[in-house]
Amino acid sequence: MQTKLRHGREKGTHPVVWCMAIVCTAVAIAVIVTGIVVFVGYLVIHPSVPVISVVSAHLDKIQNDIAGLLEAQLTIVVKAENDNTKAHASFSDMSFVLSFQGVDIAQLVAGPFDVAKNESQEIPYKVVSSSIPLNPEEMQQVDLALKADLITFDLKGHTRARWRVGILGSVKFWCNLNCQLKFHPLNGSYMNSPCTSRAK
C-alpha cells in the first residue's frame, strides 16, 4: 500500500511574538546602557559619603548630692558634612541618646535639613538631664571620677543621609555614632577625641 506525505504550508512566527522580542531587547539594551552611564558617572564624579561628627562639647554643670542624685548639663555640637563638590545632601531622622553609667539621660533629635555641595552645618544641643538616681557603687565611681577630674558620657545614635548626583539618581544610607565623650569636671572642658561616622 503506497502512502503519500502531504506537506502543509509552514506557519511563520506570529507578529506579537516579534514585537515582544523587540521590546525585551530594547529594554535589555537600555538597562545595560544605563548601568554603564551610572558606573562611569560615579567613577568620574566619585561622590563621598556625608559624615556626622561631634566637633565640640562642654560640661556646663555636674552635681552629685548626698542622696545619690546626679544632675548634669552639657552643650554638644554635632556637625553634618557634605564633602561632595557636585552632590547635594540631605539629612533626616537624626536621633542620639546620651547616657551615663548605662542610664539614658537625654535624647537628642533634629528635624530634616539640607547641606549644600561642599558645605557643612552644625547642630548645637543644650542637654539638661533630670536627676539621675545612683546606687552606692555608682556614687563611689562618680566621686572617684570627680577627684580624678575625668568623667565620661556615652553617645549613640544615627541619622539617615541622602545625596543626589544629577541624572545618576540618589543614594540613601545610615550614618552612625557610637562614642564616648570625656570631660574635665573642674572646668567643664571637653577632651577632644574622634567621634565620627567616618569609616576608619
C-alpha atoms as a PDB file:
ATOM      1  CA  MET A   1       0.000   0.000   0.000  1.00  0.00           C
ATOM      2  CA  GLN A   2       1.509   3.277  -1.054  1.00  0.00           C
ATOM      3  CA  THR A   3       1.346   6.195   1.336  1.00  0.00           C
ATOM      4  CA  LYS A   4       1.588   9.823   0.412  1.00  0.00           C
ATOM      5  CA  LEU A   5       3.037  12.531   2.616  1.00  0.00           C
ATOM      6  CA  ARG A   6       1.300  15.811   2.463  1.00  0.00           C
ATOM      7  CA  HIS A   7       3.371  18.905   3.244  1.00  0.00           C
ATOM      8  CA  GLY A   8       1.250  21.722   4.503  1.00  0.00           C
ATOM      9  CA  ARG A   9       2.354  25.329   4.388  1.00  0.00           C
ATOM     10  CA  GLU A  10       4.632  26.095   7.352  1.00  0.00           C
ATOM     11  CA  LYS A  11       3.349  28.737   9.746  1.00  0.00           C
ATOM     12  CA  GLY A  12       5.525  31.823  10.402  1.00  0.00           C
ATOM     13  CA  THR A  13       6.222  33.462  13.772  1.00  0.00           C
ATOM     14  CA  HIS A  14       3.306  35.490  14.993  1.00  0.00           C
ATOM     15  CA  PRO A  15       3.860  39.285  14.796  1.00  0.00           C
ATOM     16  CA  VAL A  16       3.029  39.651  18.502  1.00  0.00           C
ATOM     17  CA  VAL A  17       5.968  37.400  19.382  1.00  0.00           C
ATOM     18  CA  TRP A  18       8.259  39.526  17.226  1.00  0.00           C
ATOM     19  CA  CYS A  19       7.024  42.693  18.922  1.00  0.00           C
ATOM     20  CA  MET A  20       7.622  41.232  22.387  1.00  0.00           C
ATOM     21  CA  ALA A  21      11.121  40.120  21.404  1.00  0.00           C
ATOM     22  CA  ILE A  22      11.963  43.583  20.070  1.00  0.00           C
ATOM     23  CA  VAL A  23      10.619  45.263  23.223  1.00  0.00           C
ATOM     24  CA  CYS A  24      12.574  42.910  25.517  1.00  0.00           C
ATOM     25  CA  THR A  25      15.755  43.508  23.526  1.00  0.00           C
ATOM     26  CA  ALA A  26      15.272  47.266  23.701  1.00  0.00           C
ATOM     27  CA  VAL A  27      14.704  47.123  27.472  1.00  0.00           C
ATOM     28  CA  ALA A  28      17.812  44.969  27.990  1.00  0.00           C
ATOM     29  CA  ILE A  29      19.938  47.371  25.942  1.00  0.00           C
ATOM     30  CA  ALA A  30      18.535  50.368  27.872  1.00  0.00           C
ATOM     31  CA  VAL A  31      19.351  48.704  31.226  1.00  0.00           C
ATOM     32  CA  ILE A  32      22.908  47.920  30.118  1.00  0.00           C
ATOM     33  CA  VAL A  33      23.489  51.439  28.784  1.00  0.00           C
ATOM     34  CA  THR A  34      22.039  52.990  31.969  1.00  0.00           C
ATOM     35  CA  GLY A  35      24.281  50.804  34.114  1.00  0.00           C
ATOM     36  CA  ILE A  36      27.347  51.834  32.139  1.00  0.00           C
ATOM     37  CA  VAL A  37      26.417  55.534  32.341  1.00  0.00           C
ATOM     38  CA  VAL A  38      25.845  55.349  36.119  1.00  0.00           C
ATOM     39  CA  PHE A  39      29.083  53.421  36.680  1.00  0.00           C
ATOM     40  CA  VAL A  40      31.160  55.816  34.582  1.00  0.00           C
ATOM     41  CA  GLY A  41      29.402  58.807  36.151  1.00  0.00           C
ATOM     42  CA  TYR A  42      30.224  57.679  39.693  1.00  0.00           C
ATOM     43  CA  LEU A  43      33.826  56.984  38.676  1.00  0.00           C
ATOM     44  CA  VAL A  44      34.132  60.494  37.225  1.00  0.00           C
ATOM     45  CA  ILE A  45      32.289  62.355  39.990  1.00  0.00           C
ATOM     46  CA  HIS A  46      33.489  59.998  42.758  1.00  0.00           C
ATOM     47  CA  PRO A  47      30.925  61.090  45.383  1.00  0.00           C
ATOM     48  CA  SER A  48      31.906  60.657  49.026  1.00  0.00           C
ATOM     49  CA  VAL A  49      29.633  59.632  51.883  1.00  0.00           C
ATOM     50  CA  PRO A  50      28.322  62.517  54.042  1.00  0.00           C
ATOM     51  CA  VAL A  51      29.616  62.446  57.621  1.00  0.00           C
ATOM     52  CA  ILE A  52      28.321  63.388  61.069  1.00  0.00           C
ATOM     53  CA  SER A  53      30.640  64.051  63.988  1.00  0.00           C
ATOM     54  CA  VAL A  54      30.869  65.734  67.382  1.00  0.00           C
ATOM     55  CA  VAL A  55      33.051  68.802  66.858  1.00  0.00           C
ATOM     56  CA  SER A  56      32.826  70.393  70.299  1.00  0.00           C
ATOM     57  CA  ALA A  57      31.236  69.926  73.693  1.00  0.00           C
ATOM     58  CA  HIS A  58      31.253  71.383  77.185  1.00  0.00           C
ATOM     59  CA  LEU A  59      30.213  70.084  80.581  1.00  0.00           C
ATOM     60  CA  ASP A  60      28.287  73.078  81.868  1.00  0.00           C
ATOM     61  CA  LYS A  61      27.322  71.543  85.204  1.00  0.00           C
ATOM     62  CA  ILE A  62      27.600  68.303  87.141  1.00  0.00           C
ATOM     63  CA  GLN A  63      26.321  67.851  90.657  1.00  0.00           C
ATOM     64  CA  ASN A  64      26.221  64.752  92.834  1.00  0.00           C
ATOM     65  CA  ASP A  65      24.354  65.170  96.123  1.00  0.00           C
ATOM     66  CA  ILE A  66      24.437  63.015  99.234  1.00  0.00           C
ATOM     67  CA  ALA A  67      21.068  61.485  98.367  1.00  0.00           C
ATOM     68  CA  GLY A  68      22.645  59.789  95.346  1.00  0.00           C
ATOM     69  CA  LEU A  69      21.088  62.007  92.706  1.00  0.00           C
ATOM     70  CA  LEU A  70      23.244  63.219  89.826  1.00  0.00           C
ATOM     71  CA  GLU A  71      22.396  66.234  87.686  1.00  0.00           C
ATOM     72  CA  ALA A  72      24.264  67.229  84.554  1.00  0.00           C
ATOM     73  CA  GLN A  73      24.088  69.948  81.923  1.00  0.00           C
ATOM     74  CA  LEU A  74      26.055  69.701  78.686  1.00  0.00           C
ATOM     75  CA  THR A  75      26.446  71.512  75.396  1.00  0.00           C
ATOM     76  CA  ILE A  76      27.129  69.212  72.437  1.00  0.00           C
ATOM     77  CA  VAL A  77      27.676  70.379  68.855  1.00  0.00           C
ATOM     78  CA  VAL A  78      27.156  67.846  66.057  1.00  0.00           C
ATOM     79  CA  LYS A  79      28.314  68.716  62.545  1.00  0.00           C
ATOM     80  CA  ALA A  80      26.896  67.280  59.320  1.00  0.00           C
ATOM     81  CA  GLU A  81      29.427  67.442  56.486  1.00  0.00           C
ATOM     82  CA  ASN A  82      28.922  67.080  52.756  1.00  0.00           C
ATOM     83  CA  ASP A  83      32.346  66.891  51.092  1.00  0.00           C
ATOM     84  CA  ASN A  84      30.900  66.393  47.611  1.00  0.00           C
ATOM     85  CA  THR A  85      31.505  69.261  45.201  1.00  0.00           C
ATOM     86  CA  LYS A  86      28.824  68.061  42.779  1.00  0.00           C
ATOM     87  CA  ALA A  87      26.224  66.433  45.036  1.00  0.00           C
ATOM     88  CA  HIS A  88      23.569  67.981  47.279  1.00  0.00           C
ATOM     89  CA  ALA A  89      22.987  66.105  50.581  1.00  0.00           C
ATOM     90  CA  SER A  90      20.024  65.900  52.927  1.00  0.00           C
ATOM     91  CA  PHE A  91      19.781  64.537  56.466  1.00  0.00           C
ATOM     92  CA  SER A  92      16.733  63.218  58.315  1.00  0.00           C
ATOM     93  CA  ASP A  93      15.725  61.047  61.295  1.00  0.00           C
ATOM     94  CA  MET A  94      18.631  62.387  63.358  1.00  0.00           C
ATOM     95  CA  SER A  95      18.456  60.899  66.856  1.00  0.00           C
ATOM     96  CA  PHE A  96      21.085  60.315  69.552  1.00  0.00           C
ATOM     97  CA  VAL A  97      20.899  59.014  73.104  1.00  0.00           C
ATOM     98  CA  LEU A  98      23.206  60.420  75.764  1.00  0.00           C
ATOM     99  CA  SER A  99      23.788  58.101  78.704  1.00  0.00           C
ATOM    100  CA  PHE A 100      25.833  57.939  81.890  1.00  0.00           C
ATOM    101  CA  GLN A 101      26.782  54.716  83.635  1.00  0.00           C
ATOM    102  CA  GLY A 102      24.315  52.873  81.373  1.00  0.00           C
ATOM    103  CA  VAL A 103      21.421  55.200  82.292  1.00  0.00           C
ATOM    104  CA  ASP A 104      19.849  57.196  79.448  1.00  0.00           C
ATOM    105  CA  ILE A 105      19.713  60.847  80.464  1.00  0.00           C
ATOM    106  CA  ALA A 106      18.670  62.623  77.263  1.00  0.00           C
ATOM    107  CA  GLN A 107      17.617  62.106  73.659  1.00  0.00           C
ATOM    108  CA  LEU A 108      18.989  64.492  71.050  1.00  0.00           C
ATOM    109  CA  VAL A 109      16.905  64.883  67.888  1.00  0.00           C
ATOM    110  CA  ALA A 110      16.785  67.179  64.876  1.00  0.00           C
ATOM    111  CA  GLY A 111      14.346  67.651  62.022  1.00  0.00           C
ATOM    112  CA  PRO A 112      15.245  67.167  58.348  1.00  0.00           C
ATOM    113  CA  PHE A 113      17.743  69.608  56.866  1.00  0.00           C
ATOM    114  CA  ASP A 114      19.823  70.041  53.731  1.00  0.00           C
ATOM    115  CA  VAL A 115      23.546  70.619  53.291  1.00  0.00           C
ATOM    116  CA  ALA A 116      24.731  72.222  50.072  1.00  0.00           C
ATOM    117  CA  LYS A 117      27.608  70.982  47.943  1.00  0.00           C
ATOM    118  CA  ASN A 118      30.947  71.029  49.757  1.00  0.00           C
ATOM    119  CA  GLU A 119      29.343  72.603  52.833  1.00  0.00           C
ATOM    120  CA  SER A 120      28.605  71.668  56.448  1.00  0.00           C
ATOM    121  CA  GLN A 121      26.039  72.528  59.099  1.00  0.00           C
ATOM    122  CA  GLU A 122      26.392  72.489  62.877  1.00  0.00           C
ATOM    123  CA  ILE A 123      23.561  71.433  65.175  1.00  0.00           C
ATOM    124  CA  PRO A 124      24.006  72.594  68.799  1.00  0.00           C
ATOM    125  CA  TYR A 125      22.286  70.678  71.583  1.00  0.00           C
ATOM    126  CA  LYS A 126      21.735  72.029  75.092  1.00  0.00           C
ATOM    127  CA  VAL A 127      21.270  68.987  77.323  1.00  0.00           C
ATOM    128  CA  VAL A 128      19.736  69.309  80.787  1.00  0.00           C
ATOM    129  CA  SER A 129      19.335  65.954  82.475  1.00  0.00           C
ATOM    130  CA  SER A 130      16.738  65.098  85.055  1.00  0.00           C
ATOM    131  CA  SER A 131      18.016  63.821  88.401  1.00  0.00           C
ATOM    132  CA  ILE A 132      19.783  60.507  87.835  1.00  0.00           C
ATOM    133  CA  PRO A 133      19.477  58.073  90.775  1.00  0.00           C
ATOM    134  CA  LEU A 134      22.748  56.319  91.601  1.00  0.00           C
ATOM    135  CA  ASN A 135      23.336  53.277  93.759  1.00  0.00           C
ATOM    136  CA  PRO A 136      26.170  53.383  96.328  1.00  0.00           C
ATOM    137  CA  GLU A 137      28.662  51.787  93.934  1.00  0.00           C
ATOM    138  CA  GLU A 138      27.835  54.286  91.160  1.00  0.00           C
ATOM    139  CA  MET A 139      28.078  57.156  93.660  1.00  0.00           C
ATOM    140  CA  GLN A 140      31.563  55.987  94.571  1.00  0.00           C
ATOM    141  CA  GLN A 141      32.533  55.771  90.881  1.00  0.00           C
ATOM    142  CA  VAL A 142      31.305  59.330  90.313  1.00  0.00           C
ATOM    143  CA  ASP A 143      33.230  60.578  93.338  1.00  0.00           C
ATOM    144  CA  LEU A 144      36.414  58.927  92.052  1.00  0.00           C
ATOM    145  CA  ALA A 145      35.832  60.384  88.579  1.00  0.00           C
ATOM    146  CA  LEU A 146      35.345  63.872  90.005  1.00  0.00           C
ATOM    147  CA  LYS A 147      38.504  63.570  92.104  1.00  0.00           C
ATOM    148  CA  ALA A 148      40.416  62.333  89.037  1.00  0.00           C
ATOM    149  CA  ASP A 149      38.976  65.231  87.027  1.00  0.00           C
ATOM    150  CA  LEU A 150      37.721  62.901  84.315  1.00  0.00           C
ATOM    151  CA  ILE A 151      34.118  61.911  83.654  1.00  0.00           C
ATOM    152  CA  THR A 152      32.685  60.055  80.671  1.00  0.00           C
ATOM    153  CA  PHE A 153      29.322  60.047  78.908  1.00  0.00           C
ATOM    154  CA  ASP A 154      28.215  57.718  76.098  1.00  0.00           C
ATOM    155  CA  LEU A 155      26.633  58.999  72.907  1.00  0.00           C
ATOM    156  CA  LYS A 156      24.936  56.627  70.481  1.00  0.00           C
ATOM    157  CA  GLY A 157      22.639  57.285  67.557  1.00  0.00           C
ATOM    158  CA  HIS A 158      22.241  57.794  63.839  1.00  0.00           C
ATOM    159  CA  THR A 159      20.873  59.899  61.033  1.00  0.00           C
ATOM    160  CA  ARG A 160      19.667  59.000  57.564  1.00  0.00           C
ATOM    161  CA  ALA A 161      21.703  60.658  54.821  1.00  0.00           C
ATOM    162  CA  ARG A 162      20.802  61.015  51.163  1.00  0.00           C
ATOM    163  CA  TRP A 163      22.659  62.600  48.296  1.00  0.00           C
ATOM    164  CA  ARG A 164      21.682  63.060  44.683  1.00  0.00           C
ATOM    165  CA  VAL A 165      24.001  63.346  41.691  1.00  0.00           C
ATOM    166  CA  GLY A 166      22.082  64.838  38.756  1.00  0.00           C
ATOM    167  CA  ILE A 167      20.590  62.211  36.466  1.00  0.00           C
ATOM    168  CA  LEU A 168      22.582  59.460  38.147  1.00  0.00           C
ATOM    169  CA  GLY A 169      19.984  59.186  40.901  1.00  0.00           C
ATOM    170  CA  SER A 170      20.196  59.218  44.701  1.00  0.00           C
ATOM    171  CA  VAL A 171      21.602  57.005  47.424  1.00  0.00           C
ATOM    172  CA  LYS A 172      20.319  56.610  50.998  1.00  0.00           C
ATOM    173  CA  PHE A 173      22.204  55.173  53.929  1.00  0.00           C
ATOM    174  CA  TRP A 174      22.633  55.486  57.705  1.00  0.00           C
ATOM    175  CA  CYS A 175      25.406  57.448  59.455  1.00  0.00           C
ATOM    176  CA  ASN A 176      26.037  56.036  62.933  1.00  0.00           C
ATOM    177  CA  LEU A 177      27.713  57.449  66.030  1.00  0.00           C
ATOM    178  CA  ASN A 178      28.878  55.323  68.951  1.00  0.00           C
ATOM    179  CA  CYS A 179      31.465  57.046  71.080  1.00  0.00           C
ATOM    180  CA  GLN A 180      32.448  58.327  74.497  1.00  0.00           C
ATOM    181  CA  LEU A 181      32.515  61.992  75.432  1.00  0.00           C
ATOM    182  CA  LYS A 182      35.141  62.735  78.079  1.00  0.00           C
ATOM    183  CA  PHE A 183      35.258  65.902  80.163  1.00  0.00           C
ATOM    184  CA  HIS A 184      37.315  67.568  82.873  1.00  0.00           C
ATOM    185  CA  PRO A 185      34.693  68.330  85.566  1.00  0.00           C
ATOM    186  CA  LEU A 186      36.817  71.073  87.169  1.00  0.00           C
ATOM    187  CA  ASN A 187      36.454  73.434  84.210  1.00  0.00           C
ATOM    188  CA  GLY A 188      33.969  71.518  82.039  1.00  0.00           C
ATOM    189  CA  SER A 189      36.354  71.264  79.090  1.00  0.00           C
ATOM    190  CA  TYR A 190      35.911  68.524  76.501  1.00  0.00           C
ATOM    191  CA  MET A 191      38.717  66.077  75.804  1.00  0.00           C
ATOM    192  CA  ASN A 192      38.575  66.150  72.037  1.00  0.00           C
ATOM    193  CA  SER A 193      38.655  62.604  70.669  1.00  0.00           C
ATOM    194  CA  PRO A 194      37.372  61.015  67.449  1.00  0.00           C
ATOM    195  CA  CYS A 195      33.579  60.826  67.492  1.00  0.00           C
ATOM    196  CA  THR A 196      32.517  60.483  63.887  1.00  0.00           C
ATOM    197  CA  SER A 197      30.605  58.282  61.459  1.00  0.00           C
ATOM    198  CA  ARG A 198      33.509  58.405  59.018  1.00  0.00           C
ATOM    199  CA  ALA A 199      34.779  54.957  58.095  1.00  0.00           C
ATOM    200  CA  LYS A 200      38.091  54.224  59.794  1.00  0.00           C
END
